[in-house]
């Protein structure tokens, strides 16, 4: 079963790889995006290196927010007028989830994104960071 996390963001604020990597580094997480990752041009699986381990990652897609929220008024409120959505999809791996959460924190902190797990209300950044630290610890114990 797949899981989806949505980062609603203004298209003009979507960072390039270098800016997103800098944000991740500033947050203090050991996550490296694929060196050839190019936002908008790349979609599908984004391989990452998490705590020195190559292989974890997630599927990434870029769409207009309207395509994601449709007529769902509650979902429109979550998007808060942001015109673009970065969708991140993963399966059951804690390592993959850790990658999604780290990128989500960076997008929230430095690029004005509002993040929703499958349409749920967004969490404030401090709570996201706390959850992400726990997920990274859990991921370290995953085989």
C-alpha atoms as a PDB file:
ATOM      1  CA  UNK A   1       0.000   0.000   0.000  1.00  0.00           C
ATOM      2  CA  UNK A   2       1.316   3.424  -0.850  1.00  0.00           C
ATOM      3  CA  UNK A   3       1.266   6.593   1.218  1.00  0.00           C
ATOM      4  CA  UNK A   4       1.126  10.140  -0.139  1.00  0.00           C
ATOM      5  CA  UNK A   5       2.325  13.407   1.287  1.00  0.00           C
ATOM      6  CA  UNK A   6       1.490  16.686  -0.422  1.00  0.00           C
ATOM      7  CA  UNK A   7       3.623  19.828  -0.214  1.00  0.00           C
ATOM      8  CA  UNK A   8       1.568  22.790  -1.403  1.00  0.00           C
ATOM      9  CA  UNK A   9       3.921  25.525  -2.550  1.00  0.00           C
ATOM     10  CA  UNK A  10       3.996  28.434  -4.948  1.00  0.00           C
ATOM     11  CA  UNK A  11       5.513  27.259  -8.212  1.00  0.00           C
ATOM     12  CA  UNK A  12       7.942  30.189  -8.170  1.00  0.00           C
ATOM     13  CA  UNK A  13       9.234  29.024  -4.759  1.00  0.00           C
ATOM     14  CA  UNK A  14      10.016  25.420  -5.780  1.00  0.00           C
ATOM     15  CA  UNK A  15      13.740  25.134  -5.053  1.00  0.00           C
ATOM     16  CA  UNK A  16      16.361  23.744  -7.364  1.00  0.00           C
ATOM     17  CA  UNK A  17      18.378  20.768  -6.160  1.00  0.00           C
ATOM     18  CA  UNK A  18      21.180  22.866  -4.631  1.00  0.00           C
ATOM     19  CA  UNK A  19      18.817  25.079  -2.611  1.00  0.00           C
ATOM     20  CA  UNK A  20      16.826  22.090  -1.362  1.00  0.00           C
ATOM     21  CA  UNK A  21      20.028  20.241  -0.417  1.00  0.00           C
ATOM     22  CA  UNK A  22      21.308  23.330   1.442  1.00  0.00           C
ATOM     23  CA  UNK A  23      18.050  23.493   3.390  1.00  0.00           C
ATOM     24  CA  UNK A  24      18.282  19.800   4.294  1.00  0.00           C
ATOM     25  CA  UNK A  25      21.902  20.247   5.393  1.00  0.00           C
ATOM     26  CA  UNK A  26      20.983  23.271   7.524  1.00  0.00           C
ATOM     27  CA  UNK A  27      18.315  21.208   9.284  1.00  0.00           C
ATOM     28  CA  UNK A  28      21.091  18.786  10.280  1.00  0.00           C
ATOM     29  CA  UNK A  29      19.808  15.636   8.598  1.00  0.00           C
ATOM     30  CA  UNK A  30      22.163  13.261   6.775  1.00  0.00           C
ATOM     31  CA  UNK A  31      20.157  13.031   3.567  1.00  0.00           C
ATOM     32  CA  UNK A  32      21.670  13.536   0.139  1.00  0.00           C
ATOM     33  CA  UNK A  33      19.456  14.022  -2.879  1.00  0.00           C
ATOM     34  CA  UNK A  34      20.501  12.307  -6.095  1.00  0.00           C
ATOM     35  CA  UNK A  35      23.142  14.572  -7.709  1.00  0.00           C
ATOM     36  CA  UNK A  36      21.276  14.708 -11.025  1.00  0.00           C
ATOM     37  CA  UNK A  37      17.853  15.435  -9.520  1.00  0.00           C
ATOM     38  CA  UNK A  38      16.148  18.272 -11.401  1.00  0.00           C
ATOM     39  CA  UNK A  39      12.802  19.511 -10.062  1.00  0.00           C
ATOM     40  CA  UNK A  40       9.983  19.585 -12.625  1.00  0.00           C
ATOM     41  CA  UNK A  41      12.062  17.638 -15.176  1.00  0.00           C
ATOM     42  CA  UNK A  42      12.309  14.538 -12.996  1.00  0.00           C
ATOM     43  CA  UNK A  43       9.299  12.609 -11.830  1.00  0.00           C
ATOM     44  CA  UNK A  44       8.982   9.096 -10.532  1.00  0.00           C
ATOM     45  CA  UNK A  45      11.471   7.513  -8.160  1.00  0.00           C
ATOM     46  CA  UNK A  46      13.967   9.875  -6.521  1.00  0.00           C
ATOM     47  CA  UNK A  47      16.827   7.854  -5.027  1.00  0.00           C
ATOM     48  CA  UNK A  48      18.502   9.335  -1.957  1.00  0.00           C
ATOM     49  CA  UNK A  49      21.361   8.548   0.378  1.00  0.00           C
ATOM     50  CA  UNK A  50      20.190   8.421   3.997  1.00  0.00           C
ATOM     51  CA  UNK A  51      22.845   8.250   6.719  1.00  0.00           C
ATOM     52  CA  UNK A  52      25.352   6.994   4.151  1.00  0.00           C
ATOM     53  CA  UNK A  53      23.062   4.278   2.776  1.00  0.00           C
ATOM     54  CA  UNK A  54      22.157   4.444  -0.894  1.00  0.00           C
ATOM     55  CA  UNK A  55      18.781   3.102  -1.940  1.00  0.00           C
ATOM     56  CA  UNK A  56      16.052   4.772   0.100  1.00  0.00           C
ATOM     57  CA  UNK A  57      13.871   7.296  -1.660  1.00  0.00           C
ATOM     58  CA  UNK A  58      10.380   8.046  -2.859  1.00  0.00           C
ATOM     59  CA  UNK A  59       8.341   8.852  -5.927  1.00  0.00           C
ATOM     60  CA  UNK A  60       7.986  12.559  -6.652  1.00  0.00           C
ATOM     61  CA  UNK A  61       5.480  14.320  -8.888  1.00  0.00           C
ATOM     62  CA  UNK A  62       4.726  17.966  -9.700  1.00  0.00           C
ATOM     63  CA  UNK A  63       1.210  19.207 -10.446  1.00  0.00           C
ATOM     64  CA  UNK A  64      -0.984  22.259 -10.172  1.00  0.00           C
ATOM     65  CA  UNK A  65      -2.671  22.333  -6.776  1.00  0.00           C
ATOM     66  CA  UNK A  66      -6.076  22.380  -8.458  1.00  0.00           C
ATOM     67  CA  UNK A  67      -5.370  18.936  -9.954  1.00  0.00           C
ATOM     68  CA  UNK A  68      -4.754  17.530  -6.479  1.00  0.00           C
ATOM     69  CA  UNK A  69      -7.480  19.214  -4.441  1.00  0.00           C
ATOM     70  CA  UNK A  70     -10.253  19.043  -7.032  1.00  0.00           C
ATOM     71  CA  UNK A  71     -13.538  20.208  -5.527  1.00  0.00           C
ATOM     72  CA  UNK A  72     -12.602  19.239  -1.951  1.00  0.00           C
ATOM     73  CA  UNK A  73     -13.125  22.486  -0.019  1.00  0.00           C
ATOM     74  CA  UNK A  74     -11.208  21.281   3.058  1.00  0.00           C
ATOM     75  CA  UNK A  75      -8.234  20.324   0.882  1.00  0.00           C
ATOM     76  CA  UNK A  76      -8.395  23.736  -0.847  1.00  0.00           C
ATOM     77  CA  UNK A  77      -8.101  25.369   2.576  1.00  0.00           C
ATOM     78  CA  UNK A  78      -4.980  23.330   3.298  1.00  0.00           C
ATOM     79  CA  UNK A  79      -3.392  24.510   0.033  1.00  0.00           C
ATOM     80  CA  UNK A  80      -4.055  28.096   1.188  1.00  0.00           C
ATOM     81  CA  UNK A  81      -3.821  29.590  -2.294  1.00  0.00           C
ATOM     82  CA  UNK A  82      -0.502  27.958  -3.167  1.00  0.00           C
ATOM     83  CA  UNK A  83      -0.632  27.159  -6.869  1.00  0.00           C
ATOM     84  CA  UNK A  84       1.563  24.073  -7.012  1.00  0.00           C
ATOM     85  CA  UNK A  85       1.866  20.697  -5.319  1.00  0.00           C
ATOM     86  CA  UNK A  86       4.838  18.400  -4.911  1.00  0.00           C
ATOM     87  CA  UNK A  87       3.479  14.915  -4.248  1.00  0.00           C
ATOM     88  CA  UNK A  88       5.740  12.423  -2.499  1.00  0.00           C
ATOM     89  CA  UNK A  89       4.732   8.761  -2.507  1.00  0.00           C
ATOM     90  CA  UNK A  90       6.335   5.847  -0.657  1.00  0.00           C
ATOM     91  CA  UNK A  91       5.494   2.312   0.419  1.00  0.00           C
ATOM     92  CA  UNK A  92       6.071   0.844   3.889  1.00  0.00           C
ATOM     93  CA  UNK A  93       9.765   1.520   4.437  1.00  0.00           C
ATOM     94  CA  UNK A  94      10.720   3.744   7.366  1.00  0.00           C
ATOM     95  CA  UNK A  95      13.820   4.795   5.429  1.00  0.00           C
ATOM     96  CA  UNK A  96      11.686   6.004   2.538  1.00  0.00           C
ATOM     97  CA  UNK A  97       9.367   7.792   4.978  1.00  0.00           C
ATOM     98  CA  UNK A  98      12.394   9.452   6.591  1.00  0.00           C
ATOM     99  CA  UNK A  99      13.430  10.816   3.183  1.00  0.00           C
ATOM    100  CA  UNK A 100       9.925  12.193   2.571  1.00  0.00           C
ATOM    101  CA  UNK A 101       9.747  13.799   6.002  1.00  0.00           C
ATOM    102  CA  UNK A 102      13.174  15.426   5.730  1.00  0.00           C
ATOM    103  CA  UNK A 103      12.339  16.929   2.337  1.00  0.00           C
ATOM    104  CA  UNK A 104       8.938  18.021   3.678  1.00  0.00           C
ATOM    105  CA  UNK A 105      10.565  19.811   6.619  1.00  0.00           C
ATOM    106  CA  UNK A 106      12.972  21.616   4.291  1.00  0.00           C
ATOM    107  CA  UNK A 107      10.165  22.676   1.946  1.00  0.00           C
ATOM    108  CA  UNK A 108       8.163  23.969   4.906  1.00  0.00           C
ATOM    109  CA  UNK A 109      11.018  25.778   6.649  1.00  0.00           C
ATOM    110  CA  UNK A 110      12.666  27.554   3.757  1.00  0.00           C
ATOM    111  CA  UNK A 111      10.250  27.594   0.823  1.00  0.00           C
ATOM    112  CA  UNK A 112       6.837  28.343   2.310  1.00  0.00           C
ATOM    113  CA  UNK A 113       5.255  24.948   1.715  1.00  0.00           C
ATOM    114  CA  UNK A 114       2.293  23.621   3.660  1.00  0.00           C
ATOM    115  CA  UNK A 115       2.495  19.843   4.006  1.00  0.00           C
ATOM    116  CA  UNK A 116      -0.411  17.429   4.346  1.00  0.00           C
ATOM    117  CA  UNK A 117      -0.300  13.669   4.779  1.00  0.00           C
ATOM    118  CA  UNK A 118      -3.132  12.333   2.618  1.00  0.00           C
ATOM    119  CA  UNK A 119      -5.347  15.371   3.176  1.00  0.00           C
ATOM    120  CA  UNK A 120      -4.936  15.616   6.940  1.00  0.00           C
ATOM    121  CA  UNK A 121      -4.432  18.982   8.615  1.00  0.00           C
ATOM    122  CA  UNK A 122      -0.835  20.211   8.405  1.00  0.00           C
ATOM    123  CA  UNK A 123       1.413  20.020  11.445  1.00  0.00           C
ATOM    124  CA  UNK A 124       3.527  23.002  12.546  1.00  0.00           C
ATOM    125  CA  UNK A 125       7.214  22.789  11.657  1.00  0.00           C
ATOM    126  CA  UNK A 126       8.450  22.079  15.229  1.00  0.00           C
ATOM    127  CA  UNK A 127       6.133  19.075  15.465  1.00  0.00           C
ATOM    128  CA  UNK A 128       7.199  17.905  11.985  1.00  0.00           C
ATOM    129  CA  UNK A 129      10.864  18.140  12.966  1.00  0.00           C
ATOM    130  CA  UNK A 130      10.274  16.207  16.185  1.00  0.00           C
ATOM    131  CA  UNK A 131       8.399  13.473  14.319  1.00  0.00           C
ATOM    132  CA  UNK A 132      11.098  13.352  11.648  1.00  0.00           C
ATOM    133  CA  UNK A 133      13.851  12.839  14.215  1.00  0.00           C
ATOM    134  CA  UNK A 134      11.947   9.863  15.629  1.00  0.00           C
ATOM    135  CA  UNK A 135      11.335   8.445  12.165  1.00  0.00           C
ATOM    136  CA  UNK A 136      15.038   8.760  11.299  1.00  0.00           C
ATOM    137  CA  UNK A 137      15.887   6.850  14.496  1.00  0.00           C
ATOM    138  CA  UNK A 138      13.355   4.144  13.646  1.00  0.00           C
ATOM    139  CA  UNK A 139      14.713   3.967  10.100  1.00  0.00           C
ATOM    140  CA  UNK A 140      18.231   3.367  11.421  1.00  0.00           C
ATOM    141  CA  UNK A 141      16.987   0.126  12.991  1.00  0.00           C
ATOM    142  CA  UNK A 142      15.275  -1.085   9.828  1.00  0.00           C
ATOM    143  CA  UNK A 143      16.984  -3.917   7.974  1.00  0.00           C
END
